[in-house]
Amino acid sequence: MNNFYPATATIGGGSGALDAIDGALLTDGDGAIVINASGFGIYRLNATSGASESDPDVVSPDTNAGDKRWLLLSVLT
């Protein structure tokens, strides 16, 4: 079963940021939603992506990332 994570920012590493979630806790297919003043985005974790971070489309965990990347699926403003 996959996990789902809420966040209030994509990057920055602070409390509530998507990139602050430790990669060691994440598995392929986990989901996340980022909600902030700009709108919201829906993300899915790809455990083998290895893509370069490019906010907001690709977000890499700050800790234990390996090849794990959060990939933006949808944005609604």
PDB file of N, CA and C in Angstrom:
ATOM      1  N   MET A   1       0.839  -1.182   0.000  1.00  0.00           N
ATOM      2  CA  MET A   1       0.000   0.000   0.000  1.00  0.00           C
ATOM      3  C   MET A   1       0.881   1.242   0.000  1.00  0.00           C
ATOM      4  N   ASN A   2       0.500   2.204  -0.797  1.00  0.00           N
ATOM      5  CA  ASN A   2       1.259   3.435  -0.882  1.00  0.00           C
ATOM      6  C   ASN A   2       0.785   4.449   0.150  1.00  0.00           C
ATOM      7  N   ASN A   3       1.682   5.367   0.486  1.00  0.00           N
ATOM      8  CA  ASN A   3       1.385   6.431   1.438  1.00  0.00           C
ATOM      9  C   ASN A   3       1.057   7.714   0.700  1.00  0.00           C
ATOM     10  N   PHE A   4       0.381   8.620   1.390  1.00  0.00           N
ATOM     11  CA  PHE A   4       0.014   9.913   0.846  1.00  0.00           C
ATOM     12  C   PHE A   4       0.473  10.981   1.820  1.00  0.00           C
ATOM     13  N   TYR A   5       1.134  12.009   1.299  1.00  0.00           N
ATOM     14  CA  TYR A   5       1.729  13.046   2.141  1.00  0.00           C
ATOM     15  C   TYR A   5       1.174  14.422   1.795  1.00  0.00           C
ATOM     16  N   PRO A   6       0.823  15.223   2.797  1.00  0.00           N
ATOM     17  CA  PRO A   6       0.448  16.617   2.571  1.00  0.00           C
ATOM     18  C   PRO A   6       1.685  17.513   2.705  1.00  0.00           C
ATOM     19  N   ALA A   7       1.695  18.624   1.991  1.00  0.00           N
ATOM     20  CA  ALA A   7       2.796  19.579   2.098  1.00  0.00           C
ATOM     21  C   ALA A   7       2.268  20.984   1.832  1.00  0.00           C
ATOM     22  N   THR A   8       3.015  21.975   2.326  1.00  0.00           N
ATOM     23  CA  THR A   8       2.630  23.372   2.122  1.00  0.00           C
ATOM     24  C   THR A   8       3.625  24.130   1.247  1.00  0.00           C
ATOM     25  N   ALA A   9       4.691  23.441   0.815  1.00  0.00           N
ATOM     26  CA  ALA A   9       5.690  24.009  -0.100  1.00  0.00           C
ATOM     27  C   ALA A   9       6.329  22.854  -0.853  1.00  0.00           C
ATOM     28  N   THR A  10       6.911  23.129  -2.001  1.00  0.00           N
ATOM     29  CA  THR A  10       7.587  22.077  -2.745  1.00  0.00           C
ATOM     30  C   THR A  10       9.034  21.913  -2.299  1.00  0.00           C
ATOM     31  N   ILE A  11       9.774  23.029  -2.224  1.00  0.00           N
ATOM     32  CA  ILE A  11      11.188  22.959  -1.851  1.00  0.00           C
ATOM     33  C   ILE A  11      11.466  23.917  -0.697  1.00  0.00           C
ATOM     34  N   GLY A  12      12.673  23.844  -0.202  1.00  0.00           N
ATOM     35  CA  GLY A  12      13.084  24.718   0.893  1.00  0.00           C
ATOM     36  C   GLY A  12      13.546  23.940   2.104  1.00  0.00           C
ATOM     37  N   GLY A  13      13.128  22.672   2.186  1.00  0.00           N
ATOM     38  CA  GLY A  13      13.602  21.802   3.249  1.00  0.00           C
ATOM     39  C   GLY A  13      13.029  22.048   4.622  1.00  0.00           C
ATOM     40  N   GLY A  14      12.189  23.052   4.755  1.00  0.00           N
ATOM     41  CA  GLY A  14      11.620  23.357   6.065  1.00  0.00           C
ATOM     42  C   GLY A  14      10.431  22.482   6.400  1.00  0.00           C
ATOM     43  N   SER A  15       9.940  22.652   7.591  1.00  0.00           N
ATOM     44  CA  SER A  15       8.763  21.914   8.029  1.00  0.00           C
ATOM     45  C   SER A  15       7.611  22.149   7.054  1.00  0.00           C
ATOM     46  N   GLY A  16       7.015  21.071   6.579  1.00  0.00           N
ATOM     47  CA  GLY A  16       5.900  21.173   5.645  1.00  0.00           C
ATOM     48  C   GLY A  16       6.290  21.146   4.184  1.00  0.00           C
ATOM     49  N   ALA A  17       7.587  21.171   3.869  1.00  0.00           N
ATOM     50  CA  ALA A  17       8.023  21.146   2.474  1.00  0.00           C
ATOM     51  C   ALA A  17       8.089  19.715   1.950  1.00  0.00           C
ATOM     52  N   LEU A  18       7.713  19.543   0.697  1.00  0.00           N
ATOM     53  CA  LEU A  18       7.745  18.225   0.064  1.00  0.00           C
ATOM     54  C   LEU A  18       9.152  17.629   0.072  1.00  0.00           C
ATOM     55  N   ASP A  19      10.166  18.461  -0.175  1.00  0.00           N
ATOM     56  CA  ASP A  19      11.535  17.940  -0.215  1.00  0.00           C
ATOM     57  C   ASP A  19      12.090  17.607   1.170  1.00  0.00           C
ATOM     58  N   ALA A  20      11.360  17.953   2.234  1.00  0.00           N
ATOM     59  CA  ALA A  20      11.798  17.647   3.600  1.00  0.00           C
ATOM     60  C   ALA A  20      11.426  16.224   4.024  1.00  0.00           C
ATOM     61  N   ILE A  21      10.608  15.540   3.224  1.00  0.00           N
ATOM     62  CA  ILE A  21      10.233  14.164   3.546  1.00  0.00           C
ATOM     63  C   ILE A  21      11.422  13.258   3.226  1.00  0.00           C
ATOM     64  N   ASP A  22      11.905  12.538   4.215  1.00  0.00           N
ATOM     65  CA  ASP A  22      13.074  11.666   4.081  1.00  0.00           C
ATOM     66  C   ASP A  22      12.820  10.594   3.023  1.00  0.00           C
ATOM     67  N   GLY A  23      13.706  10.533   2.027  1.00  0.00           N
ATOM     68  CA  GLY A  23      13.576   9.552   0.957  1.00  0.00           C
ATOM     69  C   GLY A  23      13.551   8.120   1.448  1.00  0.00           C
ATOM     70  N   ALA A  24      14.147   7.838   2.612  1.00  0.00           N
ATOM     71  CA  ALA A  24      14.150   6.481   3.164  1.00  0.00           C
ATOM     72  C   ALA A  24      12.736   6.021   3.531  1.00  0.00           C
ATOM     73  N   LEU A  25      11.822   6.962   3.729  1.00  0.00           N
ATOM     74  CA  LEU A  25      10.443   6.629   4.078  1.00  0.00           C
ATOM     75  C   LEU A  25       9.559   6.413   2.859  1.00  0.00           C
ATOM     76  N   LEU A  26      10.058   6.759   1.668  1.00  0.00           N
ATOM     77  CA  LEU A  26       9.237   6.796   0.467  1.00  0.00           C
ATOM     78  C   LEU A  26       9.377   5.543  -0.387  1.00  0.00           C
ATOM     79  N   THR A  27       8.254   5.141  -0.991  1.00  0.00           N
ATOM     80  CA  THR A  27       8.256   4.016  -1.929  1.00  0.00           C
ATOM     81  C   THR A  27       7.617   4.442  -3.237  1.00  0.00           C
ATOM     82  N   ASP A  28       7.985   3.744  -4.286  1.00  0.00           N
ATOM     83  CA  ASP A  28       7.470   4.039  -5.616  1.00  0.00           C
ATOM     84  C   ASP A  28       5.944   4.091  -5.603  1.00  0.00           C
ATOM     85  N   GLY A  29       5.396   5.154  -6.161  1.00  0.00           N
ATOM     86  CA  GLY A  29       3.952   5.302  -6.242  1.00  0.00           C
ATOM     87  C   GLY A  29       3.313   6.075  -5.107  1.00  0.00           C
ATOM     88  N   ASP A  30       4.102   6.459  -4.094  1.00  0.00           N
ATOM     89  CA  ASP A  30       3.542   7.301  -3.038  1.00  0.00           C
ATOM     90  C   ASP A  30       2.994   8.581  -3.660  1.00  0.00           C
ATOM     91  N   GLY A  31       2.021   9.181  -3.016  1.00  0.00           N
ATOM     92  CA  GLY A  31       1.416  10.400  -3.522  1.00  0.00           C
ATOM     93  C   GLY A  31       1.579  11.552  -2.556  1.00  0.00           C
ATOM     94  N   ALA A  32       1.434  12.762  -3.093  1.00  0.00           N
ATOM     95  CA  ALA A  32       1.509  13.962  -2.256  1.00  0.00           C
ATOM     96  C   ALA A  32       0.670  15.060  -2.886  1.00  0.00           C
ATOM     97  N   ILE A  33       0.192  15.946  -2.030  1.00  0.00           N
ATOM     98  CA  ILE A  33      -0.481  17.151  -2.506  1.00  0.00           C
ATOM     99  C   ILE A  33       0.159  18.335  -1.794  1.00  0.00           C
ATOM    100  N   VAL A  34       0.491  19.340  -2.575  1.00  0.00           N
ATOM    101  CA  VAL A  34       1.069  20.568  -2.038  1.00  0.00           C
ATOM    102  C   VAL A  34       0.005  21.657  -2.178  1.00  0.00           C
ATOM    103  N   ILE A  35      -0.358  22.247  -1.059  1.00  0.00           N
ATOM    104  CA  ILE A  35      -1.355  23.322  -1.058  1.00  0.00           C
ATOM    105  C   ILE A  35      -0.721  24.553  -0.434  1.00  0.00           C
ATOM    106  N   ASN A  36      -0.749  25.663  -1.175  1.00  0.00           N
ATOM    107  CA  ASN A  36      -0.227  26.926  -0.653  1.00  0.00           C
ATOM    108  C   ASN A  36      -0.998  28.087  -1.280  1.00  0.00           C
ATOM    109  N   ALA A  37      -0.547  29.287  -1.042  1.00  0.00           N
ATOM    110  CA  ALA A  37      -1.254  30.476  -1.537  1.00  0.00           C
ATOM    111  C   ALA A  37      -1.319  30.545  -3.060  1.00  0.00           C
ATOM    112  N   SER A  38      -0.408  29.865  -3.753  1.00  0.00           N
ATOM    113  CA  SER A  38      -0.380  29.886  -5.215  1.00  0.00           C
ATOM    114  C   SER A  38      -1.364  28.909  -5.842  1.00  0.00           C
ATOM    115  N   GLY A  39      -1.854  27.956  -5.074  1.00  0.00           N
ATOM    116  CA  GLY A  39      -2.752  26.929  -5.601  1.00  0.00           C
ATOM    117  C   GLY A  39      -2.355  25.582  -5.030  1.00  0.00           C
ATOM    118  N   PHE A  40      -2.487  24.537  -5.845  1.00  0.00           N
ATOM    119  CA  PHE A  40      -2.044  23.243  -5.365  1.00  0.00           C
ATOM    120  C   PHE A  40      -1.555  22.363  -6.505  1.00  0.00           C
ATOM    121  N   GLY A  41      -0.727  21.386  -6.150  1.00  0.00           N
ATOM    122  CA  GLY A  41      -0.190  20.439  -7.114  1.00  0.00           C
ATOM    123  C   GLY A  41      -0.285  19.027  -6.571  1.00  0.00           C
ATOM    124  N   ILE A  42      -0.476  18.086  -7.472  1.00  0.00           N
ATOM    125  CA  ILE A  42      -0.554  16.678  -7.115  1.00  0.00           C
ATOM    126  C   ILE A  42       0.706  15.993  -7.637  1.00  0.00           C
ATOM    127  N   TYR A  43       1.370  15.251  -6.748  1.00  0.00           N
ATOM    128  CA  TYR A  43       2.650  14.613  -7.072  1.00  0.00           C
ATOM    129  C   TYR A  43       2.580  13.114  -6.857  1.00  0.00           C
ATOM    130  N   ARG A  44       3.398  12.390  -7.634  1.00  0.00           N
ATOM    131  CA  ARG A  44       3.572  10.949  -7.463  1.00  0.00           C
ATOM    132  C   ARG A  44       5.062  10.677  -7.416  1.00  0.00           C
ATOM    133  N   LEU A  45       5.475   9.803  -6.511  1.00  0.00           N
ATOM    134  CA  LEU A  45       6.888   9.481  -6.375  1.00  0.00           C
ATOM    135  C   LEU A  45       7.303   8.422  -7.390  1.00  0.00           C
ATOM    136  N   ASN A  46       8.382   8.715  -8.124  1.00  0.00           N
ATOM    137  CA  ASN A  46       9.007   7.746  -9.022  1.00  0.00           C
ATOM    138  C   ASN A  46      10.336   7.378  -8.391  1.00  0.00           C
ATOM    139  N   ALA A  47      10.472   6.131  -7.973  1.00  0.00           N
ATOM    140  CA  ALA A  47      11.653   5.701  -7.221  1.00  0.00           C
ATOM    141  C   ALA A  47      12.888   5.496  -8.081  1.00  0.00           C
ATOM    142  N   THR A  48      12.737   5.501  -9.405  1.00  0.00           N
ATOM    143  CA  THR A  48      13.881   5.261 -10.286  1.00  0.00           C
ATOM    144  C   THR A  48      14.120   6.405 -11.266  1.00  0.00           C
ATOM    145  N   SER A  49      13.501   7.548 -11.054  1.00  0.00           N
ATOM    146  CA  SER A  49      13.592   8.669 -11.990  1.00  0.00           C
ATOM    147  C   SER A  49      15.010   9.211 -12.132  1.00  0.00           C
ATOM    148  N   GLY A  50      15.588   9.667 -11.045  1.00  0.00           N
ATOM    149  CA  GLY A  50      16.921  10.255 -11.088  1.00  0.00           C
ATOM    150  C   GLY A  50      17.002  11.578 -11.831  1.00  0.00           C
ATOM    151  N   ALA A  51      15.865  12.163 -12.209  1.00  0.00           N
ATOM    152  CA  ALA A  51      15.856  13.430 -12.948  1.00  0.00           C
ATOM    153  C   ALA A  51      16.418  14.561 -12.084  1.00  0.00           C
ATOM    154  N   SER A  52      16.962  15.560 -12.755  1.00  0.00           N
ATOM    155  CA  SER A  52      17.449  16.743 -12.046  1.00  0.00           C
ATOM    156  C   SER A  52      16.263  17.513 -11.472  1.00  0.00           C
ATOM    157  N   GLU A  53      16.450  18.048 -10.260  1.00  0.00           N
ATOM    158  CA  GLU A  53      15.376  18.819  -9.643  1.00  0.00           C
ATOM    159  C   GLU A  53      15.061  20.052 -10.473  1.00  0.00           C
ATOM    160  N   SER A  54      13.783  20.279 -10.700  1.00  0.00           N
ATOM    161  CA  SER A  54      13.306  21.422 -11.462  1.00  0.00           C
ATOM    162  C   SER A  54      11.938  21.814 -10.899  1.00  0.00           C
ATOM    163  N   ASP A  55      11.966  22.622  -9.842  1.00  0.00           N
ATOM    164  CA  ASP A  55      10.755  23.026  -9.145  1.00  0.00           C
ATOM    165  C   ASP A  55       9.827  23.809 -10.066  1.00  0.00           C
ATOM    166  N   PRO A  56       8.561  23.520 -10.159  1.00  0.00           N
ATOM    167  CA  PRO A  56       7.803  22.579  -9.358  1.00  0.00           C
ATOM    168  C   PRO A  56       7.609  21.214 -10.007  1.00  0.00           C
ATOM    169  N   ASP A  57       8.155  21.006 -11.204  1.00  0.00           N
ATOM    170  CA  ASP A  57       7.877  19.768 -11.949  1.00  0.00           C
ATOM    171  C   ASP A  57       8.557  18.526 -11.383  1.00  0.00           C
ATOM    172  N   VAL A  58       9.766  18.679 -10.886  1.00  0.00           N
ATOM    173  CA  VAL A  58      10.529  17.567 -10.325  1.00  0.00           C
ATOM    174  C   VAL A  58      11.109  18.023  -8.993  1.00  0.00           C
ATOM    175  N   VAL A  59      10.776  17.305  -7.925  1.00  0.00           N
ATOM    176  CA  VAL A  59      11.256  17.651  -6.586  1.00  0.00           C
ATOM    177  C   VAL A  59      12.004  16.450  -6.020  1.00  0.00           C
ATOM    178  N   SER A  60      13.231  16.705  -5.579  1.00  0.00           N
ATOM    179  CA  SER A  60      14.074  15.658  -5.002  1.00  0.00           C
ATOM    180  C   SER A  60      14.087  15.774  -3.478  1.00  0.00           C
ATOM    181  N   PRO A  61      13.913  14.643  -2.767  1.00  0.00           N
ATOM    182  CA  PRO A  61      14.041  14.708  -1.311  1.00  0.00           C
ATOM    183  C   PRO A  61      15.429  15.226  -0.919  1.00  0.00           C
ATOM    184  N   ASP A  62      15.498  16.017   0.136  1.00  0.00           N
ATOM    185  CA  ASP A  62      16.780  16.552   0.595  1.00  0.00           C
ATOM    186  C   ASP A  62      17.637  15.491   1.282  1.00  0.00           C
ATOM    187  N   THR A  63      17.001  14.468   1.855  1.00  0.00           N
ATOM    188  CA  THR A  63      17.706  13.427   2.598  1.00  0.00           C
ATOM    189  C   THR A  63      17.392  12.059   1.998  1.00  0.00           C
ATOM    190  N   ASN A  64      18.430  11.259   1.764  1.00  0.00           N
ATOM    191  CA  ASN A  64      18.283   9.892   1.249  1.00  0.00           C
ATOM    192  C   ASN A  64      17.484   9.823  -0.047  1.00  0.00           C
ATOM    193  N   ALA A  65      17.764  10.730  -0.970  1.00  0.00           N
ATOM    194  CA  ALA A  65      16.999  10.800  -2.214  1.00  0.00           C
ATOM    195  C   ALA A  65      17.287   9.632  -3.148  1.00  0.00           C
ATOM    196  N   GLY A  66      18.563   9.265  -3.304  1.00  0.00           N
ATOM    197  CA  GLY A  66      18.887   8.271  -4.329  1.00  0.00           C
ATOM    198  C   GLY A  66      18.333   8.752  -5.654  1.00  0.00           C
ATOM    199  N   ASP A  67      17.590   7.897  -6.361  1.00  0.00           N
ATOM    200  CA  ASP A  67      16.952   8.278  -7.625  1.00  0.00           C
ATOM    201  C   ASP A  67      15.488   8.675  -7.448  1.00  0.00           C
ATOM    202  N   LYS A  68      15.018   8.747  -6.216  1.00  0.00           N
ATOM    203  CA  LYS A  68      13.618   9.061  -5.950  1.00  0.00           C
ATOM    204  C   LYS A  68      13.327  10.531  -6.253  1.00  0.00           C
ATOM    205  N   ARG A  69      12.235  10.747  -7.004  1.00  0.00           N
ATOM    206  CA  ARG A  69      11.810  12.101  -7.339  1.00  0.00           C
ATOM    207  C   ARG A  69      10.303  12.197  -7.271  1.00  0.00           C
ATOM    208  N   TRP A  70       9.834  13.317  -6.761  1.00  0.00           N
ATOM    209  CA  TRP A  70       8.418  13.649  -6.814  1.00  0.00           C
ATOM    210  C   TRP A  70       8.154  14.283  -8.173  1.00  0.00           C
ATOM    211  N   LEU A  71       7.237  13.728  -8.952  1.00  0.00           N
ATOM    212  CA  LEU A  71       6.913  14.253 -10.278  1.00  0.00           C
ATOM    213  C   LEU A  71       5.514  14.860 -10.250  1.00  0.00           C
ATOM    214  N   LEU A  72       5.423  16.085 -10.732  1.00  0.00           N
ATOM    215  CA  LEU A  72       4.162  16.802 -10.757  1.00  0.00           C
ATOM    216  C   LEU A  72       3.220  16.154 -11.774  1.00  0.00           C
ATOM    217  N   LEU A  73       2.027  15.806 -11.320  1.00  0.00           N
ATOM    218  CA  LEU A  73       1.015  15.220 -12.207  1.00  0.00           C
ATOM    219  C   LEU A  73      -0.002  16.236 -12.674  1.00  0.00           C
ATOM    220  N   SER A  74      -0.396  17.144 -11.779  1.00  0.00           N
ATOM    221  CA  SER A  74      -1.480  18.063 -12.088  1.00  0.00           C
ATOM    222  C   SER A  74      -1.375  19.330 -11.252  1.00  0.00           C
ATOM    223  N   VAL A  75      -1.728  20.438 -11.849  1.00  0.00           N
ATOM    224  CA  VAL A  75      -1.777  21.714 -11.138  1.00  0.00           C
ATOM    225  C   VAL A  75      -3.114  22.362 -11.412  1.00  0.00           C
ATOM    226  N   LEU A  76      -3.763  22.787 -10.352  1.00  0.00           N
ATOM    227  CA  LEU A  76      -4.994  23.549 -10.471  1.00  0.00           C
ATOM    228  C   LEU A  76      -4.803  24.830  -9.696  1.00  0.00           C
ATOM    229  N   THR A  77      -5.109  25.953 -10.296  1.00  0.00           N
ATOM    230  CA  THR A  77      -4.950  27.219  -9.599  1.00  0.00           C
ATOM    231  C   THR A  77      -6.267  27.899  -9.409  1.00  0.00           C
TER     232      THR A  77
END
